[in-house]
Protein backbone atom coordinates (compact mmCIF):
# COMPACT_ATOMS: atom_id res chain seq x y z
CA UNK A 1 59.22 82.71 102.01
CA UNK A 2 61.95 84.57 103.38
CA UNK A 3 61.48 88.47 103.29
CA UNK A 4 63.73 91.05 104.27
CA UNK A 5 63.17 95.10 104.54
CA UNK A 6 66.07 97.09 103.78
CA UNK A 7 66.95 99.78 106.75
CA UNK A 8 68.68 102.40 105.64
CA UNK A 9 70.37 103.28 101.65
CA UNK A 10 73.26 104.87 101.57
CA UNK A 11 73.95 108.77 102.26
CA UNK A 12 76.70 110.46 101.15
CA UNK A 13 78.17 113.67 102.82
CA UNK A 14 79.89 116.29 100.53
CA UNK A 15 80.96 116.12 96.69
CA UNK A 16 84.30 113.87 96.54
CA UNK A 17 86.98 115.11 94.60
CA UNK A 18 87.60 112.16 92.46
CA UNK A 19 83.89 111.78 91.29
CA UNK A 20 83.69 115.62 90.49
CA UNK A 21 86.77 115.59 88.11
CA UNK A 22 86.00 112.40 86.88
CA UNK A 23 84.28 112.18 83.62
CA UNK A 24 81.59 109.70 82.44
CA UNK A 25 80.77 108.60 78.55
CA UNK A 26 78.28 105.87 79.29
CA UNK A 27 73.99 106.57 79.93
CA UNK A 28 72.36 106.15 83.63
CA UNK A 29 69.88 103.12 83.27
CA UNK A 30 67.44 102.97 86.17
CA UNK A 31 65.24 99.81 87.14
CA UNK A 32 61.89 100.34 85.42
CA UNK A 33 59.72 97.37 85.61
CA UNK A 34 60.53 93.49 86.35
CA UNK A 35 63.47 91.86 85.15
CA UNK A 36 64.68 88.19 85.18
CA UNK A 37 68.42 86.73 84.78
CA UNK A 38 70.83 83.85 86.44
CA UNK A 39 72.99 85.91 88.76
CA UNK A 40 71.72 89.36 90.73
CA UNK A 41 74.84 91.26 92.27
CA UNK A 42 73.49 94.24 94.47
CA UNK A 43 75.99 97.12 95.08
CA UNK A 44 78.61 98.07 91.65
CA UNK A 45 81.00 99.11 93.92
CA UNK A 46 84.99 97.01 93.87
CA UNK A 47 82.80 93.98 94.89
CA UNK A 48 80.05 94.03 92.90
CA UNK A 49 81.39 95.07 89.42
CA UNK A 50 84.78 92.34 90.52
CA UNK A 51 82.09 89.83 90.84
CA UNK A 52 80.24 90.48 87.64
CA UNK A 53 83.47 90.45 85.68
CA UNK A 54 83.92 87.08 86.92
CA UNK A 55 80.55 86.06 86.14
CA UNK A 56 80.83 86.92 83.17
CA UNK A 57 84.33 84.68 82.99
CA UNK A 58 82.95 81.62 84.61
CA UNK A 59 79.48 81.14 83.15
CA UNK A 60 79.11 83.11 79.60
CA UNK A 61 75.87 83.52 77.93
CA UNK A 62 74.28 83.52 81.81
CA UNK A 63 71.86 86.77 82.40
CA UNK A 64 73.66 88.93 85.05
CA UNK A 65 71.61 91.98 86.76
CA UNK A 66 73.50 94.88 88.52
CA UNK A 67 71.59 97.04 90.78
CA UNK A 68 73.05 100.16 92.55
CA UNK A 69 71.18 102.30 95.22
CA UNK A 70 73.64 105.55 93.53
CA UNK A 71 75.16 106.52 90.09
CA UNK A 72 78.46 104.43 89.77
CA UNK A 73 81.03 106.12 91.60
CA UNK A 74 79.10 108.53 93.85
CA UNK A 75 79.13 106.19 96.70
CA UNK A 76 82.03 104.85 98.85
CA UNK A 77 84.05 103.30 96.06
CA UNK A 78 84.51 106.77 93.71
CA UNK A 79 85.48 108.25 98.00
CA UNK A 80 88.84 106.14 98.88
CA UNK A 81 92.39 107.20 98.83
CA UNK A 82 92.70 104.95 95.42
CA UNK A 83 95.61 103.12 97.49
CA UNK A 84 95.40 99.53 96.06
CA UNK A 85 97.71 98.06 98.64
CA UNK A 86 99.53 94.24 98.88
CA UNK A 87 101.76 94.21 102.11
CA UNK A 88 99.27 94.38 105.66
CA UNK A 89 97.73 97.14 106.17
CA UNK A 90 95.60 96.75 108.95
CA UNK A 91 93.96 99.99 110.01
CA UNK A 92 93.06 99.32 113.57
CA UNK A 93 95.92 97.65 114.67
CA UNK A 94 98.08 101.32 115.01
CA UNK A 95 100.17 99.93 112.62
CA UNK A 96 100.84 98.16 109.79
CA UNK A 97 103.71 95.93 110.90
CA UNK A 98 102.91 92.77 109.76
CA UNK A 99 102.91 89.78 112.63
CA UNK A 100 103.24 85.54 111.79
CA UNK A 101 105.05 85.14 108.81
CA UNK A 102 103.00 82.65 107.53
CA UNK A 103 99.80 85.08 107.83
CA UNK A 104 101.86 87.95 106.15
CA UNK A 105 102.18 85.65 103.34
CA UNK A 106 98.87 84.36 102.99
CA UNK A 107 97.56 88.03 102.94
CA UNK A 108 99.60 89.03 101.11
CA UNK A 109 99.39 86.33 98.51
CA UNK A 110 95.47 87.28 98.37
CA UNK A 111 96.47 90.97 97.83
CA UNK A 112 98.09 90.30 94.70
CA UNK A 113 95.81 88.11 93.82
CA UNK A 114 93.17 91.03 93.77
CA UNK A 115 95.29 93.56 92.55
CA UNK A 116 96.28 91.36 89.29
CA UNK A 117 92.80 90.74 88.65
CA UNK A 118 92.06 94.89 88.87
CA UNK A 119 95.07 95.43 86.58
CA UNK A 120 93.65 92.61 84.09
CA UNK A 121 90.24 94.54 84.11
CA UNK A 122 92.33 97.72 83.29
CA UNK A 123 94.28 96.05 80.59
CA UNK A 124 90.79 95.32 78.91
CA UNK A 125 88.80 97.74 79.56
CA UNK A 126 91.79 100.10 78.17
CA UNK A 127 92.18 102.28 81.48
CA UNK A 128 95.59 105.13 81.32
CA UNK A 129 98.31 105.16 83.42
CA UNK A 130 96.32 108.21 85.39
CA UNK A 131 93.44 105.73 86.46
CA UNK A 132 95.72 102.59 87.23
CA UNK A 133 99.20 103.40 88.17
CA UNK A 134 101.76 100.64 89.60
CA UNK A 135 103.85 103.15 90.92
CA UNK A 136 104.04 101.82 94.28
CA UNK A 137 103.50 103.89 98.14
CA UNK A 138 105.52 105.45 100.32
CA UNK A 139 104.83 105.86 104.25
CA UNK A 140 105.88 108.80 105.45
CA UNK A 141 107.46 109.79 108.76
CA UNK A 142 107.20 113.06 109.86
CA UNK A 143 108.10 112.69 114.02
CA UNK A 144 110.66 110.41 115.90
CA UNK A 145 107.91 108.20 116.74
CA UNK A 146 106.91 107.88 112.66
CA UNK A 147 110.45 107.15 112.14
CA UNK A 148 110.73 103.52 114.55
CA UNK A 149 106.62 102.67 113.38
CA UNK A 150 108.55 103.02 109.86
CA UNK A 151 111.95 101.16 111.43
CA UNK A 152 109.50 98.06 112.70
CA UNK A 153 107.65 97.97 109.41
CA UNK A 154 110.60 97.73 107.21
CA UNK A 155 112.27 94.84 109.60
CA UNK A 156 108.95 92.78 109.65
CA UNK A 157 108.99 93.53 105.62
CA UNK A 158 112.67 92.28 105.58
CA UNK A 159 111.64 89.21 107.94
CA UNK A 160 109.04 87.65 105.27
CA UNK A 161 111.23 88.85 102.53
CA UNK A 162 108.71 91.88 100.48
CA UNK A 163 111.24 94.16 98.51
CA UNK A 164 111.89 97.63 100.31
CA UNK A 165 113.23 100.67 99.61
CA UNK A 166 114.30 103.54 102.95
CA UNK A 167 114.94 107.02 101.81
CA UNK A 168 115.90 109.73 103.86
CA UNK A 169 114.97 113.17 104.65
CA UNK A 170 116.45 114.68 101.10
CA UNK A 171 114.98 112.34 99.66
CA UNK A 172 111.26 113.02 100.91
CA UNK A 173 112.37 116.96 100.01
CA UNK A 174 112.90 115.91 96.68
CA UNK A 175 109.60 114.03 96.27
CA UNK A 176 107.58 116.03 97.53
CA UNK A 177 109.01 119.65 97.89
CA UNK A 178 108.91 120.29 101.69
CA UNK A 179 110.85 119.24 104.86
CA UNK A 180 108.20 118.36 106.54
CA UNK A 181 109.08 114.13 106.28
CA UNK A 182 111.96 113.05 108.03
CA UNK A 183 112.17 109.73 106.21
CA UNK A 184 109.97 107.10 104.18
CA UNK A 185 109.54 103.46 103.12
CA UNK A 186 108.64 102.56 99.83
CA UNK A 187 107.29 99.12 98.72
CA UNK A 188 106.85 98.44 94.90
CA UNK A 189 103.58 96.67 94.95
CA UNK A 190 101.12 98.91 95.70
CA UNK A 191 99.35 100.32 92.55
CA UNK A 192 97.82 104.45 93.06
CA UNK A 193 94.22 104.51 91.21
CA UNK A 194 91.70 107.27 90.44
CA UNK A 195 89.23 105.47 91.96
CA UNK A 196 85.91 106.95 90.45
CA UNK A 197 87.92 106.50 86.89
CA UNK A 198 88.58 103.29 87.87
CA UNK A 199 85.15 102.54 89.06
CA UNK A 200 83.57 103.94 86.05
CA UNK A 201 85.43 102.38 83.35
CA UNK A 202 85.33 98.86 85.41
CA UNK A 203 81.06 99.26 85.17
CA UNK A 204 81.22 100.41 81.45
CA UNK A 205 83.28 97.23 80.70
CA UNK A 206 80.63 94.98 82.65
CA UNK A 207 78.02 96.71 81.24
CA UNK A 208 78.70 96.10 77.84
CA UNK A 209 77.55 92.72 78.92
CA UNK A 210 76.01 92.67 82.42
CA UNK A 211 72.59 94.75 82.79
CA UNK A 212 73.59 97.47 85.27
CA UNK A 213 70.94 99.83 87.01
CA UNK A 214 71.90 102.67 88.56
CA UNK A 215 69.85 104.87 91.08
CA UNK A 216 67.70 101.73 91.89
CA UNK A 217 67.96 101.14 95.56
CA UNK A 218 67.04 97.60 97.06
CA UNK A 219 63.77 98.60 99.65
CA UNK A 220 63.23 95.06 100.17
CA UNK A 221 64.84 91.43 99.28
CA UNK A 222 62.93 88.07 99.51
CA UNK A 223 63.40 84.48 98.91
CA UNK A 224 60.53 83.50 95.67
CA UNK A 225 60.79 79.32 95.27
CA UNK A 226 64.78 78.53 94.73
CA UNK A 227 65.66 82.31 93.87
CA UNK A 228 65.80 85.59 95.10
CA UNK A 229 63.46 88.55 94.07
CA UNK A 230 64.93 92.20 95.01
CA UNK A 231 62.39 95.29 94.63
CA UNK A 232 63.35 98.50 93.91
CA UNK A 233 61.11 101.90 93.65
CA UNK A 234 60.01 101.35 90.52
CA UNK A 235 60.52 97.40 89.54
CA UNK A 236 61.73 94.00 90.83
CA UNK A 237 64.80 91.67 89.91
CA UNK A 238 64.55 88.78 90.53
CA UNK A 239 67.48 85.79 90.11
CA UNK A 240 68.49 81.89 91.49
CA UNK A 241 71.47 83.19 92.87
CA UNK A 242 72.37 86.76 94.95
CA UNK A 243 75.39 88.07 95.75
CA UNK A 244 75.56 91.12 97.91
CA UNK A 245 78.37 93.47 98.28
CA UNK A 246 76.97 96.29 100.42
CA UNK A 247 80.06 96.32 102.47
CA UNK A 248 78.76 98.00 105.78
CA UNK A 249 75.22 97.97 104.55
CA UNK A 250 75.06 94.67 105.26
CA UNK A 251 73.84 94.80 108.66
CA UNK A 252 70.97 96.91 106.19
CA UNK A 253 69.65 93.75 104.80
CA UNK A 254 69.43 92.18 108.24
CA UNK A 255 72.68 90.36 108.80
CA UNK A 256 76.05 90.62 111.02
CA UNK A 257 73.71 92.62 113.99
CA UNK A 258 76.15 93.94 116.42
CA UNK A 259 79.44 92.57 114.23
CA UNK A 260 79.93 95.07 112.23
CA UNK A 261 82.27 98.67 113.01
CA UNK A 262 81.17 101.29 110.73
CA UNK A 263 83.75 104.09 110.21
CA UNK A 264 84.12 107.42 108.15
CA UNK A 265 86.71 109.21 107.23
CA UNK A 266 87.55 111.95 105.52
CA UNK A 267 89.08 113.98 102.97
CA UNK A 268 89.52 117.07 100.74
CA UNK A 269 91.02 118.32 97.80
CA UNK A 270 92.57 121.77 96.77
CA UNK A 271 91.40 123.65 93.45
CA UNK A 272 94.06 123.66 90.74
CA UNK A 273 97.17 125.12 90.63
CA UNK A 274 100.27 125.88 88.47
CA UNK A 275 102.38 122.53 88.40
CA UNK A 276 104.94 124.87 88.71
CA UNK A 277 104.18 124.97 91.92
CA UNK A 278 107.09 124.09 94.62
CA UNK A 279 105.60 120.88 95.29
CA UNK A 280 107.98 118.27 93.96
CA UNK A 281 107.25 115.54 91.25
CA UNK A 282 104.06 115.76 89.14
CA UNK A 283 103.14 112.95 91.45
CA UNK A 284 103.76 111.12 94.76
CA UNK A 285 101.85 108.79 97.50
CA UNK A 286 102.34 108.94 100.96
CA UNK A 287 100.53 106.96 103.77
CA UNK A 288 101.17 108.13 106.93
CA UNK A 289 103.99 106.01 109.41
CA UNK A 290 100.94 106.04 111.72
CA UNK A 291 97.71 104.74 110.38
CA UNK A 292 96.00 107.51 112.24
CA UNK A 293 97.78 110.85 110.63
CA UNK A 294 97.45 111.98 107.15
CA UNK A 295 97.31 110.34 103.88
CA UNK A 296 98.33 112.63 100.79
CA UNK A 297 98.26 112.26 97.13
CA UNK A 298 99.30 114.59 94.61
CA UNK A 299 97.81 114.21 91.11
CA UNK A 300 98.96 116.51 87.68
CA UNK A 301 96.57 116.87 84.90
CA UNK A 302 98.38 118.89 82.36
CA UNK A 303 100.04 121.56 83.46
CA UNK A 304 97.46 121.92 86.61
CA UNK A 305 98.20 119.87 89.99
CA UNK A 306 96.04 119.14 92.58
CA UNK A 307 96.52 117.40 96.23
CA UNK A 308 94.24 115.42 98.65
CA UNK A 309 94.28 114.95 102.15
CA UNK A 310 92.88 112.29 104.02
CA UNK A 311 92.56 112.77 107.86
CA UNK A 312 90.62 111.70 110.70
CA UNK A 313 88.20 108.46 111.83
CA UNK A 314 84.82 108.83 113.05
CA UNK A 315 82.57 105.67 114.45
CA UNK A 316 78.76 106.08 113.51
CA UNK A 317 76.80 103.02 113.69
CA UNK A 318 74.19 105.64 111.85
CA UNK A 319 76.10 105.58 109.02
CA UNK A 320 75.55 109.09 108.70
CA UNK A 321 77.55 112.23 108.95
CA UNK A 322 77.00 115.92 109.09
CA UNK A 323 78.06 118.56 106.39
CA UNK A 324 78.40 120.14 109.13
CA UNK A 325 81.51 118.11 110.75
CA UNK A 326 82.92 117.10 107.05
CA UNK A 327 83.43 121.16 106.90
CA UNK A 328 85.04 121.81 110.61
CA UNK A 329 87.60 118.77 109.33
CA UNK A 330 88.13 119.98 106.23
CA UNK A 331 89.51 123.04 108.51
CA UNK A 332 91.54 121.20 110.57
CA UNK A 333 92.89 119.33 106.91
CA UNK A 334 93.86 122.97 105.40
CA UNK A 335 95.79 123.60 108.56
CA UNK A 336 97.48 119.93 107.64
CA UNK A 337 98.36 121.41 104.24
CA UNK A 338 99.00 124.70 105.76
CA UNK A 339 102.06 122.87 107.43
CA UNK A 340 103.61 121.22 104.99
CA UNK A 341 102.89 123.85 102.31
CA UNK A 342 102.86 127.64 103.09
CA UNK A 343 102.92 128.49 99.69
CA UNK A 344 99.92 126.94 98.62
CA UNK A 345 97.50 129.91 100.73
CA UNK A 346 96.07 130.63 96.95
CA UNK A 347 95.13 127.11 96.49
CA UNK A 348 91.61 126.14 98.33
CA UNK A 349 89.71 123.38 98.94
CA UNK A 350 87.52 122.62 96.34
CA UNK A 351 86.17 119.53 97.54
CA UNK A 352 85.56 117.78 100.65
CA UNK A 353 83.73 114.60 101.31
CA UNK A 354 83.19 111.66 103.83
CA UNK A 355 83.65 107.92 103.06
CA UNK A 356 82.66 104.96 104.75
CA UNK A 357 84.68 101.62 106.34
CA UNK A 358 83.49 98.93 107.76
CA UNK A 359 85.74 97.16 109.98
CA UNK A 360 85.32 93.96 112.67
CA UNK A 361 86.87 93.66 115.98
CA UNK A 362 88.94 90.76 114.40
CA UNK A 363 89.47 91.65 111.31
CA UNK A 364 87.82 89.14 109.14
CA UNK A 365 85.26 89.41 106.67
CA UNK A 366 81.52 88.70 106.21
CA UNK A 367 82.15 86.05 103.30
CA UNK A 368 80.04 83.18 102.37
CA UNK A 369 77.05 81.50 101.40
CA UNK A 370 74.85 83.28 104.32
CA UNK A 371 71.54 81.79 103.03
CA UNK A 372 70.75 79.89 100.50
CA UNK A 373 71.47 81.06 96.63
CA UNK A 374 72.70 84.26 98.95
CA UNK A 375 76.74 84.98 98.87
CA UNK A 376 77.71 87.69 101.19
CA UNK A 377 81.33 89.70 99.72
CA UNK A 378 81.66 92.38 102.68
CA UNK A 379 82.98 93.99 105.30
CA UNK A 380 86.37 94.95 104.04
CA UNK A 381 88.27 96.22 106.81
CA UNK A 382 89.63 99.55 105.57
CA UNK A 383 91.32 98.05 102.83
CA UNK A 384 88.60 98.62 99.81
CA UNK A 385 90.20 98.37 96.87
CA UNK A 386 91.87 95.29 97.17
CA UNK A 387 89.17 93.15 99.69
CA UNK A 388 86.36 93.91 98.30
CA UNK A 389 88.04 93.01 94.37
CA UNK A 390 89.41 89.48 96.50
CA UNK A 391 86.01 88.98 97.87
CA UNK A 392 83.80 89.64 95.33
CA UNK A 393 85.82 87.65 92.78
CA UNK A 394 86.23 84.57 95.53
CA UNK A 395 81.92 84.66 96.13
CA UNK A 396 81.96 84.01 92.53
CA UNK A 397 83.85 81.42 92.80
CA UNK A 398 82.07 79.68 95.74
CA UNK A 399 78.86 80.24 94.03
CA UNK A 400 80.27 78.70 90.91
CA UNK A 401 81.92 75.97 92.06
CA UNK A 402 84.76 76.72 90.73
CA UNK A 403 88.30 76.22 92.13
CA UNK A 404 90.43 78.89 93.49
CA UNK A 405 93.54 78.33 95.64
CA UNK A 406 92.54 81.53 98.37
CA UNK A 407 88.64 80.19 98.64
CA UNK A 408 89.50 77.92 101.39
CA UNK A 409 91.54 80.38 103.70
CA UNK A 410 88.23 83.47 103.26
CA UNK A 411 85.71 80.10 104.25
CA UNK A 412 87.67 79.19 107.16
CA UNK A 413 87.92 82.77 108.91
CA UNK A 414 86.03 82.88 111.93
CA UNK A 415 82.63 85.00 112.52
CA UNK A 416 83.46 89.06 113.49
CA UNK A 417 83.77 89.41 116.91
CA UNK A 418 80.28 90.74 118.84
CA UNK A 419 80.47 94.51 119.78
CA UNK A 420 79.34 95.74 122.97
CA UNK A 421 75.89 97.45 122.87
CA UNK A 422 75.50 101.26 122.42
CA UNK A 423 76.34 103.57 123.44
CA UNK A 424 79.23 101.76 125.28
CA UNK A 425 80.75 100.56 121.67
CA UNK A 426 79.98 104.37 120.74
CA UNK A 427 81.87 105.79 123.42
CA UNK A 428 84.74 102.81 123.00
CA UNK A 429 85.51 103.05 119.54
CA UNK A 430 85.47 106.30 119.24
CA UNK A 431 87.64 107.61 122.24
CA UNK A 432 90.37 104.79 121.02
CA UNK A 433 90.44 106.53 117.83
CA UNK A 434 90.35 110.39 119.05
CA UNK A 435 94.07 108.83 121.84
CA UNK A 436 95.25 107.08 118.60
CA UNK A 437 95.06 110.15 116.31
CA UNK A 438 96.19 112.81 119.22
CA UNK A 439 98.82 110.57 119.88
CA UNK A 440 99.69 110.66 115.84
CA UNK A 441 100.17 114.28 116.48
CA UNK A 442 102.84 115.88 113.37
CA UNK A 443 102.04 112.32 111.26
CA UNK A 444 98.49 114.55 110.95
């Protein structure tokens, strides 16, 4: 019998503004007792819920159980910036410019497959445009260096025939109401989501067929005969096949030791302010030209608006960060927002939070059948909305023997490269992050 104790459970720091302003309209149910199914999905984020939906499509009539350690949308899936990006977006490279044309074309095709799958789910489950908005995104430059990075990004998109539009300082001012940005590059294929609303709507839709149990952390996973048994505090779920959709917590289950980088990023959301304030159009979505800069989104509901600021990265192999750090970075984010909008002094941050990313040194996932009947759809490399959706769908296609043109490429990726031992990795990764953040300067 193979038995694995789960060494760590998710710990979230701060209240996600996305989750706080989202409304839930279906009950929370925890596992209480034993259940048996053909399929068990562990994790109810982008990967897990996409996998469950794919199972409903591929194996109608078969029993599916989903377990999550927390309530849906309170974990990492409800804490991201909400960009579903189709073009290459490698956070660890220091810039977004795609490299090899063939590799870029393959990645774009995969990303667009995942976005199309999410769009179909949004349509099936009646998600409004405020939840799933195919409006594109802008890489915004606040410095001369940022303009050069955008020039490189634009040139690389042109080389591979990707649509884009250049925005000058006037266009950026008309969009945002501020003079902070010198220019931007618009790409039309991205989708903006309200991540907590999206995940909750997806969970509600899937739970009409599958059995979803929240607040049911898996504390042990063991092989039993030809299947698997997952132990929770109040019950056990048994299934012939299991899909692990737990991102960086794959290491907590005893896999990929020494190969995953656990990185946290930080965000704050303002209190609602009158939509008439001089903050430009009703909605806009800005990525920084330098990946270490500030991501900003403006959202408007009725006559009230909010702005979300995402900055800073830290490497934390413990998979936890302190409330004190979130508060300190929130003060930095306040200065970042004030530099852009002096007129928002009366709109304090209402929510500040941290969210976990999982990266590998060579920017590859941990994907495939890692033990008999046990499949991994983990390590999203900083683009969890898209990469996790893709991995969840492909894990099911692999497990069910279904054909998918993207599956071979995913199976042929190398294993994540091993990290240096601690504390060398901690010192090295955080030093590189901090250098890149300082270099970003006014983009922060």
